[in-house]
Protein backbone atom coordinates (compact mmCIF):
# COMPACT_ATOMS: atom_id res chain seq x y z
CA UNK A 1 -22.79 29.61 30.05
CA UNK A 2 -20.95 26.20 29.78
CA UNK A 3 -17.63 25.58 30.09
CA UNK A 4 -15.19 25.13 27.09
CA UNK A 5 -14.02 21.50 26.45
CA UNK A 6 -10.38 21.34 26.65
CA UNK A 7 -8.22 19.79 23.78
CA UNK A 8 -8.46 16.63 22.40
CA UNK A 9 -5.09 15.86 24.29
CA UNK A 10 -6.95 16.78 27.60
CA UNK A 11 -10.26 15.19 27.00
CA UNK A 12 -9.97 11.31 27.35
CA UNK A 13 -6.55 10.79 25.18
CA UNK A 14 -6.59 7.07 26.32
CA UNK A 15 -10.15 6.42 25.44
CA UNK A 16 -9.44 8.10 21.65
CA UNK A 17 -6.45 5.80 21.90
CA UNK A 18 -8.22 2.68 22.21
CA UNK A 19 -10.87 3.54 19.72
CA UNK A 20 -8.65 4.39 17.00
CA UNK A 21 -7.00 1.35 17.57
CA UNK A 22 -9.97 -0.66 17.24
CA UNK A 23 -9.68 0.33 13.55
CA UNK A 24 -6.05 -0.22 13.35
CA UNK A 25 -6.75 -3.84 14.35
CA UNK A 26 -10.38 -4.27 12.40
CA UNK A 27 -8.91 -3.56 9.34
CA UNK A 28 -5.70 -5.40 8.71
CA UNK A 29 -7.20 -8.63 9.97
CA UNK A 30 -9.80 -7.90 7.38
CA UNK A 31 -7.32 -7.51 4.44
CA UNK A 32 -5.11 -10.33 5.45
CA UNK A 33 -7.93 -12.68 6.15
CA UNK A 34 -9.47 -12.05 3.05
CA UNK A 35 -6.31 -13.64 1.04
CA UNK A 36 -7.14 -16.91 2.84
CA UNK A 37 -10.96 -17.07 1.33
CA UNK A 38 -9.25 -16.20 -2.41
CA UNK A 39 -9.38 -19.87 -3.52
CA UNK A 40 -12.81 -21.10 -2.06
CA UNK A 41 -14.31 -17.59 -3.45
CA UNK A 42 -13.19 -18.75 -7.04
CA UNK A 43 -14.39 -21.99 -6.58
CA UNK A 44 -17.66 -20.91 -5.40
CA UNK A 45 -18.26 -18.06 -7.61
CA UNK A 46 -16.58 -19.37 -10.59
CA UNK A 47 -13.88 -16.72 -10.58
CA UNK A 48 -10.25 -16.18 -11.65
CA UNK A 49 -7.67 -14.12 -12.55
CA UNK A 50 -8.21 -10.43 -12.88
CA UNK A 51 -11.42 -10.75 -11.36
CA UNK A 52 -10.97 -12.84 -8.34
CA UNK A 53 -7.87 -11.00 -7.39
CA UNK A 54 -9.78 -7.51 -7.50
CA UNK A 55 -11.63 -8.46 -4.18
CA UNK A 56 -8.18 -7.49 -2.76
CA UNK A 57 -6.78 -5.16 -5.12
CA UNK A 58 -9.91 -3.03 -5.28
CA UNK A 59 -10.13 -2.56 -1.82
CA UNK A 60 -6.66 -1.35 -1.55
CA UNK A 61 -7.30 0.62 -5.10
CA UNK A 62 -10.25 2.68 -3.36
CA UNK A 63 -8.47 3.23 -0.23
CA UNK A 64 -5.31 3.86 -1.43
CA UNK A 65 -7.25 6.66 -4.22
CA UNK A 66 -9.34 8.31 -1.10
CA UNK A 67 -6.72 8.50 1.84
CA UNK A 68 -5.41 12.05 0.22
CA UNK A 69 -9.11 13.04 0.07
CA UNK A 70 -10.01 11.93 3.36
CA UNK A 71 -7.52 13.52 5.25
CA UNK A 72 -8.33 16.97 3.63
CA UNK A 73 -11.60 16.68 4.66
CA UNK A 74 -10.74 15.64 8.12
CA UNK A 75 -9.12 18.79 8.60
CA UNK A 76 -12.11 20.77 7.02
CA UNK A 77 -15.06 19.42 9.00
CA UNK A 78 -13.48 17.20 11.43
CA UNK A 79 -11.12 14.08 11.86
CA UNK A 80 -13.76 12.26 14.20
CA UNK A 81 -16.36 12.62 11.77
CA UNK A 82 -14.19 11.31 8.42
CA UNK A 83 -12.89 8.32 11.07
CA UNK A 84 -16.98 7.48 11.90
CA UNK A 85 -18.27 7.86 8.44
CA UNK A 86 -15.37 5.89 7.08
CA UNK A 87 -16.36 3.24 9.38
CA UNK A 88 -20.02 3.29 8.65
CA UNK A 89 -19.02 3.01 4.81
CA UNK A 90 -16.54 0.42 5.32
CA UNK A 91 -19.30 -1.56 7.40
CA UNK A 92 -22.11 -1.23 4.80
CA UNK A 93 -19.80 -2.56 2.20
CA UNK A 94 -18.73 -5.55 4.14
CA UNK A 95 -21.95 -6.63 4.57
CA UNK A 96 -23.03 -6.41 0.91
CA UNK A 97 -19.95 -8.87 0.37
CA UNK A 98 -20.93 -11.43 2.90
CA UNK A 99 -24.61 -11.87 0.39
CA UNK A 100 -22.93 -11.22 -2.74
CA UNK A 101 -24.29 -13.35 -5.16
CA UNK A 102 -21.69 -13.16 -8.32
CA UNK A 103 -17.90 -12.14 -7.94
CA UNK A 104 -18.90 -8.45 -9.97
CA UNK A 105 -21.11 -7.59 -6.73
CA UNK A 106 -18.34 -9.10 -4.58
CA UNK A 107 -15.56 -7.23 -6.48
CA UNK A 108 -18.23 -3.91 -6.00
CA UNK A 109 -18.38 -4.24 -2.67
CA UNK A 110 -15.03 -4.93 -1.82
CA UNK A 111 -14.40 -1.78 -3.76
CA UNK A 112 -16.58 0.09 -1.27
CA UNK A 113 -14.79 -1.28 1.52
CA UNK A 114 -11.71 0.26 0.50
CA UNK A 115 -13.46 3.94 0.75
CA UNK A 116 -14.33 3.20 4.14
CA UNK A 117 -10.95 2.34 5.38
CA UNK A 118 -9.72 4.92 3.48
CA UNK A 119 -11.62 7.37 6.12
CA UNK A 120 -10.59 4.79 9.04
CA UNK A 121 -7.37 5.13 7.89
CA UNK A 122 -6.73 8.69 7.31
CA UNK A 123 -8.55 9.90 10.21
CA UNK A 124 -7.07 7.79 12.98
CA UNK A 125 -3.41 8.80 11.77
CA UNK A 126 -4.48 12.11 11.81
CA UNK A 127 -6.62 12.00 15.59
CA UNK A 128 -3.71 10.81 17.37
CA UNK A 129 -1.31 13.32 15.28
CA UNK A 130 -3.23 15.79 17.49
CA UNK A 131 -4.09 14.06 20.23
CA UNK A 132 -0.25 13.28 21.21
CA UNK A 133 3.55 14.79 21.19
CA UNK A 134 6.97 14.04 21.19
CA UNK A 135 7.83 10.85 22.96
CA UNK A 136 4.22 9.85 23.96
CA UNK A 137 3.32 10.28 20.16
CA UNK A 138 6.37 8.00 19.46
CA UNK A 139 5.15 5.21 22.01
CA UNK A 140 1.44 5.81 20.41
CA UNK A 141 2.32 5.02 16.79
CA UNK A 142 4.57 2.37 17.72
CA UNK A 143 1.53 0.65 19.62
CA UNK A 144 -0.40 1.08 16.30
CA UNK A 145 2.23 -0.81 14.63
CA UNK A 146 1.80 -3.29 17.04
CA UNK A 147 -1.61 -3.32 16.96
CA UNK A 148 -1.75 -3.49 13.35
CA UNK A 149 0.34 -6.10 13.54
CA UNK A 150 -1.87 -7.65 15.63
CA UNK A 151 -4.90 -7.52 13.14
CA UNK A 152 -2.33 -8.72 10.15
CA UNK A 153 -1.11 -11.63 12.28
CA UNK A 154 -4.07 -13.13 13.16
CA UNK A 155 -6.18 -12.32 10.29
CA UNK A 156 -5.06 -15.16 8.02
CA UNK A 157 -5.34 -17.72 11.16
CA UNK A 158 -8.87 -16.05 12.04
CA UNK A 159 -10.31 -16.40 8.44
CA UNK A 160 -8.73 -19.71 8.10
CA UNK A 161 -10.66 -21.07 10.76
CA UNK A 162 -14.26 -19.33 9.88
CA UNK A 163 -13.61 -20.45 6.37
CA UNK A 164 -12.98 -23.74 7.13
CA UNK A 165 -15.68 -24.04 9.18
CA UNK A 166 -18.34 -21.59 8.04
CA UNK A 167 -17.45 -20.70 4.61
CA UNK A 168 -15.81 -17.14 3.35
CA UNK A 169 -19.37 -14.99 3.51
CA UNK A 170 -19.24 -16.05 7.57
CA UNK A 171 -15.59 -14.16 7.66
CA UNK A 172 -16.86 -11.01 6.10
CA UNK A 173 -20.17 -10.93 8.28
CA UNK A 174 -17.98 -11.04 11.32
CA UNK A 175 -15.78 -8.28 9.98
CA UNK A 176 -19.16 -6.44 9.56
CA UNK A 177 -20.41 -6.66 13.31
CA UNK A 178 -16.82 -5.35 13.94
CA UNK A 179 -17.42 -2.34 11.91
CA UNK A 180 -20.53 -1.41 13.50
CA UNK A 181 -18.75 -1.81 17.38
CA UNK A 182 -15.89 0.71 15.56
CA UNK A 183 -19.03 3.01 14.24
CA UNK A 184 -21.17 2.65 17.70
CA UNK A 185 -17.39 3.92 19.69
CA UNK A 186 -16.60 7.13 17.85
CA UNK A 187 -19.70 8.84 19.66
CA UNK A 188 -17.27 8.71 22.52
CA UNK A 189 -14.56 10.26 21.10
CA UNK A 190 -14.01 14.52 20.73
CA UNK A 191 -13.40 16.53 17.62
CA UNK A 192 -10.74 18.59 16.31
CA UNK A 193 -10.03 20.04 12.80
CA UNK A 194 -8.16 22.81 11.61
CA UNK A 195 -8.28 26.56 12.47
CA UNK A 196 -8.28 27.69 8.99
CA UNK A 197 -10.90 25.71 7.39
CA UNK A 198 -9.68 25.13 4.17
CA UNK A 199 -11.90 24.30 0.83
CA UNK A 200 -12.16 21.34 -0.56
CA UNK A 201 -10.08 21.37 -3.74
CA UNK A 202 -12.62 19.63 -5.85
CA UNK A 203 -10.78 19.53 -9.24
CA UNK A 204 -7.70 17.79 -7.20
CA UNK A 205 -9.48 15.55 -5.99
CA UNK A 206 -11.43 14.67 -9.25
CA UNK A 207 -8.38 13.87 -11.07
CA UNK A 208 -6.48 12.46 -8.31
CA UNK A 209 -8.90 9.91 -7.85
CA UNK A 210 -9.49 9.40 -11.79
CA UNK A 211 -5.49 8.84 -12.22
CA UNK A 212 -5.12 6.25 -9.74
CA UNK A 213 -8.38 4.56 -10.35
CA UNK A 214 -7.30 4.35 -14.55
CA UNK A 215 -3.17 3.22 -13.98
CA UNK A 216 -4.53 0.70 -11.08
CA UNK A 217 -6.92 -0.42 -13.56
CA UNK A 218 -4.53 -0.67 -16.28
CA UNK A 219 -2.14 -2.93 -14.56
CA UNK A 220 -4.68 -5.39 -13.60
CA UNK A 221 -5.32 -5.90 -17.26
CA UNK A 222 -2.17 -6.57 -18.15
CA UNK A 223 -1.48 -9.79 -17.10
CA UNK A 224 -4.73 -11.37 -19.21
CA UNK A 225 -4.97 -8.94 -21.94
CA UNK A 226 -0.96 -8.57 -22.73
CA UNK A 227 0.75 -5.49 -21.48
CA UNK A 228 0.62 -3.94 -25.29
CA UNK A 229 -3.35 -4.59 -25.91
CA UNK A 230 -5.42 -1.22 -26.26
CA UNK A 231 -7.29 -2.32 -22.89
CA UNK A 232 -3.61 -1.67 -21.08
CA UNK A 233 -2.33 1.24 -22.99
CA UNK A 234 -5.53 3.52 -23.07
CA UNK A 235 -6.21 3.40 -19.22
CA UNK A 236 -2.22 3.87 -18.29
CA UNK A 237 -1.78 6.51 -20.67
CA UNK A 238 -4.86 8.55 -19.96
CA UNK A 239 -4.01 7.85 -16.12
CA UNK A 240 -0.22 9.70 -16.55
CA UNK A 241 -2.08 12.32 -17.91
CA UNK A 242 -4.20 12.98 -15.25
CA UNK A 243 -1.41 12.78 -13.03
CA UNK A 244 0.28 15.85 -14.82
CA UNK A 245 -2.76 17.79 -14.80
CA UNK A 246 -3.46 16.78 -11.39
CA UNK A 247 -0.03 18.53 -10.65
CA UNK A 248 -0.87 21.39 -12.57
CA UNK A 249 -4.09 22.02 -10.70
CA UNK A 250 -2.48 21.83 -7.20
CA UNK A 251 -0.23 24.19 -8.45
CA UNK A 252 -2.46 26.96 -9.07
CA UNK A 253 -4.79 25.99 -6.60
CA UNK A 254 -5.60 28.48 -4.01
CA UNK A 255 -5.95 25.99 -1.09
CA UNK A 256 -4.94 22.87 -2.73
CA UNK A 257 -5.49 19.39 -1.32
CA UNK A 258 -1.97 18.16 -1.36
CA UNK A 259 0.60 20.98 -0.64
CA UNK A 260 2.94 20.08 -3.41
CA UNK A 261 5.64 21.69 -0.78
CA UNK A 262 5.15 18.07 1.32
CA UNK A 263 6.70 16.97 -1.62
CA UNK A 264 10.15 18.71 -1.88
CA UNK A 265 10.88 18.04 1.60
CA UNK A 266 13.56 15.60 1.27
CA UNK A 267 13.08 13.41 4.44
CA UNK A 268 9.77 13.51 4.77
CA UNK A 269 9.45 11.91 1.24
CA UNK A 270 12.35 9.33 2.37
CA UNK A 271 10.11 8.07 5.38
CA UNK A 272 7.08 8.26 2.32
CA UNK A 273 10.03 6.03 0.18
CA UNK A 274 10.37 3.74 3.11
CA UNK A 275 6.67 2.80 3.69
CA UNK A 276 6.89 2.50 0.06
CA UNK A 277 9.59 0.30 -0.38
CA UNK A 278 8.60 -1.91 2.35
CA UNK A 279 5.15 -2.47 1.05
CA UNK A 280 7.22 -3.82 -1.98
CA UNK A 281 9.17 -6.40 0.43
CA UNK A 282 5.98 -7.89 2.11
CA UNK A 283 2.70 -7.28 0.04
CA UNK A 284 3.25 -9.69 -2.61
CA UNK A 285 3.74 -12.61 -0.36
CA UNK A 286 1.50 -11.53 2.66
CA UNK A 287 -1.42 -11.60 -0.46
CA UNK A 288 -0.84 -14.17 -2.73
CA UNK A 289 1.48 -16.77 -0.47
CA UNK A 290 -1.40 -18.53 1.23
CA UNK A 291 -3.23 -19.35 -2.52
CA UNK A 292 0.45 -20.78 -3.39
CA UNK A 293 0.10 -22.88 -0.23
CA UNK A 294 -3.32 -24.14 -0.60
CA UNK A 295 -2.75 -25.15 -4.42
CA UNK A 296 0.80 -26.26 -5.02
CA UNK A 297 1.10 -27.56 -1.47
CA UNK A 298 -2.37 -28.19 -1.24
CA UNK A 299 -2.79 -27.13 2.88
CA UNK A 300 -6.51 -26.37 3.62
CA UNK A 301 -7.14 -22.66 4.44
CA UNK A 302 -6.88 -23.16 8.33
CA UNK A 303 -3.79 -24.38 7.55
CA UNK A 304 -2.57 -22.30 5.00
CA UNK A 305 -3.55 -19.17 7.77
CA UNK A 306 -1.08 -20.97 10.52
CA UNK A 307 1.74 -21.16 8.37
CA UNK A 308 1.35 -17.09 7.74
CA UNK A 309 1.79 -17.02 11.13
CA UNK A 310 5.50 -17.14 10.92
CA UNK A 311 5.51 -14.25 8.94
CA UNK A 312 3.02 -12.11 10.90
CA UNK A 313 3.80 -13.13 14.46
CA UNK A 314 6.91 -11.47 14.52
CA UNK A 315 4.74 -7.88 14.24
CA UNK A 316 3.55 -8.77 17.60
CA UNK A 317 6.53 -7.38 19.20
CA UNK A 318 8.96 -5.62 16.72
CA UNK A 319 7.03 -2.61 16.40
CA UNK A 320 7.24 -1.51 20.00
CA UNK A 321 11.02 -2.80 20.60
CA UNK A 322 11.54 -0.14 17.35
CA UNK A 323 9.33 2.45 19.44
CA UNK A 324 11.93 2.06 22.60
CA UNK A 325 15.06 2.06 20.34
CA UNK A 326 14.54 5.35 18.88
CA UNK A 327 13.87 6.87 22.56
CA UNK A 328 16.35 5.66 23.41
CA UNK A 329 19.09 7.59 20.93
CA UNK A 330 19.07 4.94 17.97
CA UNK A 331 18.46 7.11 14.98
CA UNK A 332 15.01 6.14 13.02
CA UNK A 333 16.67 5.65 9.26
CA UNK A 334 18.96 2.98 11.01
CA UNK A 335 16.37 1.35 11.72
CA UNK A 336 14.38 1.77 8.77
CA UNK A 337 17.49 0.85 6.59
CA UNK A 338 17.94 -2.41 8.83
CA UNK A 339 14.28 -3.45 7.99
CA UNK A 340 14.17 -2.94 4.29
CA UNK A 341 17.83 -5.00 4.36
CA UNK A 342 16.30 -7.69 6.23
CA UNK A 343 13.30 -8.16 3.83
CA UNK A 344 15.58 -8.16 0.83
CA UNK A 345 17.37 -10.74 2.84
CA UNK A 346 14.25 -12.72 3.55
CA UNK A 347 12.91 -12.33 -0.14
CA UNK A 348 16.23 -14.17 -1.29
CA UNK A 349 16.22 -16.79 0.89
CA UNK A 350 12.47 -17.77 0.27
CA UNK A 351 13.59 -17.69 -3.89
CA UNK A 352 15.96 -20.16 -2.58
CA UNK A 353 14.12 -22.41 -0.43
CA UNK A 354 10.30 -22.40 -1.88
CA UNK A 355 9.78 -25.14 -3.86
CA UNK A 356 5.97 -27.63 -3.81
CA UNK A 357 5.85 -29.46 -0.67
CA UNK A 358 7.92 -27.34 1.25
CA UNK A 359 7.37 -27.44 4.91
CA UNK A 360 6.93 -25.29 7.67
CA UNK A 361 10.74 -25.93 8.89
CA UNK A 362 11.75 -24.81 5.52
CA UNK A 363 9.83 -21.40 4.99
CA UNK A 364 10.14 -20.43 8.64
CA UNK A 365 13.36 -18.60 8.18
CA UNK A 366 12.57 -16.18 5.21
CA UNK A 367 8.76 -15.35 6.53
CA UNK A 368 10.06 -14.84 9.86
CA UNK A 369 12.86 -12.29 8.30
CA UNK A 370 9.86 -10.31 6.14
CA UNK A 371 7.63 -10.03 9.09
CA UNK A 372 10.31 -8.86 11.15
CA UNK A 373 11.36 -6.29 8.61
CA UNK A 374 7.59 -5.19 8.28
CA UNK A 375 7.23 -4.99 12.29
CA UNK A 376 9.93 -2.77 12.22
CA UNK A 377 8.55 -0.07 10.42
CA UNK A 378 5.11 -0.50 11.77
CA UNK A 379 4.81 2.84 13.81
CA UNK A 380 8.15 4.19 13.32
CA UNK A 381 7.31 5.76 9.40
CA UNK A 382 4.16 7.21 10.86
CA UNK A 383 5.90 8.79 13.94
CA UNK A 384 8.72 10.25 12.19
CA UNK A 385 6.72 11.41 9.62
CA UNK A 386 3.81 13.05 11.20
CA UNK A 387 6.75 14.79 13.09
CA UNK A 388 7.93 16.70 10.32
CA UNK A 389 4.32 18.74 9.46
CA UNK A 390 2.66 21.52 11.59
CA UNK A 391 -0.61 20.57 13.15
CA UNK A 392 -2.58 22.45 10.16
CA UNK A 393 -1.38 19.51 7.67
CA UNK A 394 -1.54 16.64 10.11
CA UNK A 395 -4.35 15.61 7.98
CA UNK A 396 -2.84 16.47 4.69
CA UNK A 397 -0.05 14.87 5.69
CA UNK A 398 -1.57 11.82 7.13
CA UNK A 399 -3.91 11.25 3.76
CA UNK A 400 -0.79 12.15 1.98
CA UNK A 401 1.39 8.78 3.84
CA UNK A 402 -1.38 6.59 3.85
CA UNK A 403 -2.55 7.49 0.65
CA UNK A 404 1.11 6.55 -1.19
CA UNK A 405 1.53 3.16 1.44
CA UNK A 406 -1.81 2.01 0.18
CA UNK A 407 -1.52 3.17 -3.30
CA UNK A 408 2.31 1.15 -3.34
CA UNK A 409 0.15 -1.85 -1.87
CA UNK A 410 -2.30 -1.64 -4.57
CA UNK A 411 0.72 -1.22 -7.26
CA UNK A 412 2.47 -4.20 -6.09
CA UNK A 413 -0.73 -6.50 -5.86
CA UNK A 414 -1.68 -5.27 -8.86
CA UNK A 415 1.94 -5.95 -10.49
CA UNK A 416 2.86 -9.18 -8.45
CA UNK A 417 -0.83 -10.87 -9.51
CA UNK A 418 -0.08 -9.80 -13.00
CA UNK A 419 3.48 -11.04 -12.70
CA UNK A 420 2.63 -14.34 -11.67
CA UNK A 421 0.10 -14.86 -14.12
CA UNK A 422 2.36 -13.78 -17.20
CA UNK A 423 5.21 -15.86 -15.45
CA UNK A 424 3.10 -19.07 -15.74
CA UNK A 425 1.50 -18.53 -19.07
CA UNK A 426 5.08 -18.50 -20.45
CA UNK A 427 5.71 -22.18 -19.43
CA UNK A 428 2.40 -23.07 -19.78
CA UNK A 429 1.22 -21.63 -23.10
CA UNK A 430 -2.11 -20.84 -22.35
CA UNK A 431 -4.14 -17.45 -20.55
CA UNK A 432 -7.21 -19.26 -19.13
CA UNK A 433 -5.09 -21.92 -17.85
CA UNK A 434 -2.45 -19.77 -15.84
CA UNK A 435 -5.14 -17.71 -14.35
CA UNK A 436 -6.35 -21.03 -13.18
CA UNK A 437 -2.74 -21.61 -11.74
CA UNK A 438 -2.46 -18.26 -10.00
CA UNK A 439 -5.67 -18.76 -8.33
CA UNK A 440 -4.92 -22.01 -6.72
CA UNK A 441 -7.00 -24.33 -9.23
CA UNK A 442 -4.04 -27.18 -9.49
CA UNK A 443 -6.03 -30.17 -9.10
CA UNK A 444 -5.94 -32.99 -11.68
CA UNK A 445 -3.25 -35.45 -13.33
CA UNK A 446 -1.18 -32.33 -14.16
CA UNK A 447 -0.68 -31.12 -10.55
CA UNK A 448 2.80 -31.86 -10.22
CA UNK A 449 3.72 -29.69 -13.09
CA UNK A 450 1.87 -26.81 -12.69
CA UNK A 451 2.62 -26.30 -9.44
CA UNK A 452 6.27 -26.57 -10.62
CA UNK A 453 5.81 -23.83 -12.97
CA UNK A 454 3.93 -21.55 -10.21
CA UNK A 455 7.05 -22.14 -8.20
CA UNK A 456 8.95 -21.06 -11.37
CA UNK A 457 6.66 -18.26 -11.38
CA UNK A 458 7.34 -17.00 -7.58
CA UNK A 459 11.34 -17.43 -7.87
CA UNK A 460 11.34 -14.64 -10.40
CA UNK A 461 9.19 -12.42 -8.66
CA UNK A 462 10.77 -12.81 -5.40
CA UNK A 463 13.83 -12.00 -6.93
CA UNK A 464 12.93 -9.04 -8.32
CA UNK A 465 11.71 -8.23 -5.33
CA UNK A 466 14.74 -8.80 -3.73
CA UNK A 467 17.20 -6.65 -5.87
CA UNK A 468 14.72 -3.78 -5.35
CA UNK A 469 14.60 -3.51 -1.95
CA UNK A 470 18.59 -3.88 -1.85
CA UNK A 471 18.52 -0.64 -3.93
CA UNK A 472 15.72 1.01 -1.73
CA UNK A 473 17.72 0.62 1.22
CA UNK A 474 20.57 2.61 0.27
CA UNK A 475 18.35 5.10 -1.22
CA UNK A 476 16.13 5.95 1.59
CA UNK A 477 19.37 5.83 4.04
CA UNK A 478 20.73 8.70 1.89
CA UNK A 479 17.22 10.64 1.82
CA UNK A 480 17.07 10.33 5.41
CA UNK A 481 20.51 11.90 6.41
CA UNK A 482 20.49 15.06 8.08
CA UNK A 483 21.35 18.02 6.07
CA UNK A 484 24.93 19.17 6.84
CA UNK A 485 24.06 22.50 7.74
CA UNK A 486 21.19 21.52 10.32
CA UNK A 487 21.47 19.91 13.36
CA UNK A 488 20.44 16.07 13.20
CA UNK A 489 18.39 15.77 15.81
CA UNK A 490 14.77 16.28 14.92
CA UNK A 491 12.68 19.18 15.46
CA UNK A 492 10.06 18.51 17.96
CA UNK A 493 6.82 20.52 16.85
CA UNK A 494 5.89 23.23 20.00
CA UNK A 495 2.73 22.99 21.68
CA UNK A 496 -0.73 23.86 20.27
CA UNK A 497 -2.76 27.12 20.70
CA UNK A 498 -6.33 25.73 21.09
CA UNK A 499 -9.05 27.71 19.69
CA UNK A 500 -11.92 26.59 20.95
CA UNK A 501 -15.40 26.03 19.35
CA UNK A 502 -19.25 26.89 20.77
CA UNK A 503 -19.25 26.06 24.18
CA UNK A 504 -20.80 22.33 24.49
CA UNK A 505 -19.49 21.15 21.17
CA UNK A 506 -16.79 18.99 22.61
CA UNK A 507 -14.31 20.13 19.22
CA UNK A 508 -11.18 22.52 19.19
CA UNK A 509 -8.92 23.77 16.51
CA UNK A 510 -5.34 24.19 16.78
CA UNK A 511 -3.62 27.61 15.90
CA UNK A 512 -2.33 27.87 12.82
CA UNK A 513 0.35 30.83 12.39
CA UNK A 514 2.52 29.14 15.18
CA UNK A 515 3.25 25.85 12.95
CA UNK A 516 4.77 26.20 9.72
CA UNK A 517 3.76 24.05 7.09
CA UNK A 518 6.69 21.67 7.04
CA UNK A 519 9.79 20.78 9.46
CA UNK A 520 13.02 21.16 8.59
């Protein structure tokens, strides 16, 4: 009889970590790098406004909509399978994007890539949560934050160099090749899944995806169609109705895709709100500021990518510093509150310093502050949130965390992009011209005037972001405060009881009844 393979924690955990980190490096690099290519894509495919923004927004939308589903599928069918399938779908979408003949095909391909990204992000987080415990888990997720930060940091620079030398299609092709490597590497990983295999909550999955899709579509249309337009109000109201239906479905489901008890855990939701707030502080600048630099300041794609290093470079080291501070006794909620305040300060300072022609030295301080804030939260949120759920629900919890975080990114992208168009339109009085300005098309005799209007739009948007972050810092700090009737120290999950699958399968299921659904 063949011996039963041990749990994934004892079976090449470092190899598993390396494979997961490969996904967390490549996907953020692709995300941040695509923003550099937007102006050239717009010129090459004659696109602007919502259709051009969808190259980025569509990716985030499907990634956020499918992460919760992907997390539950990981608990059901196996987390490695979900990770590998997600990487394969992402690769296929990216290959199609590299050969897209028009903006509609490109948008569809990026939307498909987002579905694949959902499997990688949700599956990877769940894999690591079952592979490591205690301080090791904190270090691992800090490493994840660092690696994801490196991907975000070098993405604009790498893509800028590729776009400048070979064109935007080559950039997508390079990321597709990286996807092939990730898919191949997953065959070296062991499998894990929940002991009590839950049934797929089809009604919950359909209503959730449809609800988020309708809401995001409505927001992306607001800047051009008008916020009172039927094209905006109809899908928005439909999406809100489906959200209410989703909650009702989950309450009645025997095995829901989302255990609503997670939403009633104040401290778990505090980390969720913190992740959302961090996204508000950085996503708009990360995605749209390279377009401003190329349009208003006249930088090339490569130079804009280098300029964005001021914001992204801090995430090379800051996540590891945050992890070490937590392991040395610094309360994690203090670090998250500090990150939110730093981000608020960075956005506010950028309002004061931004003007057409602003050089790297002028922009350095605010961009570095925003970058440090993002780096401080990377890994910290995941490790702390995942420590509050039992192993049977790590897939669901990872899916929920990444769904809300990616959903926040999607919503910020849609609102920020629509707000820029709307604000520019209030100054130039022409919707089509406003869309071109927001896409970085400012060439011509009116360049100086349009650059000034574009700057005004940025200043208003950043002011609102800074105020939102200041309020969020206070709210999150209070949500994460320990209950007075409970000890402040976090509860460390007990060691799992491994339930082996058939011999030679390389899979392990975690013991169910020994782990409560939620940690205090």
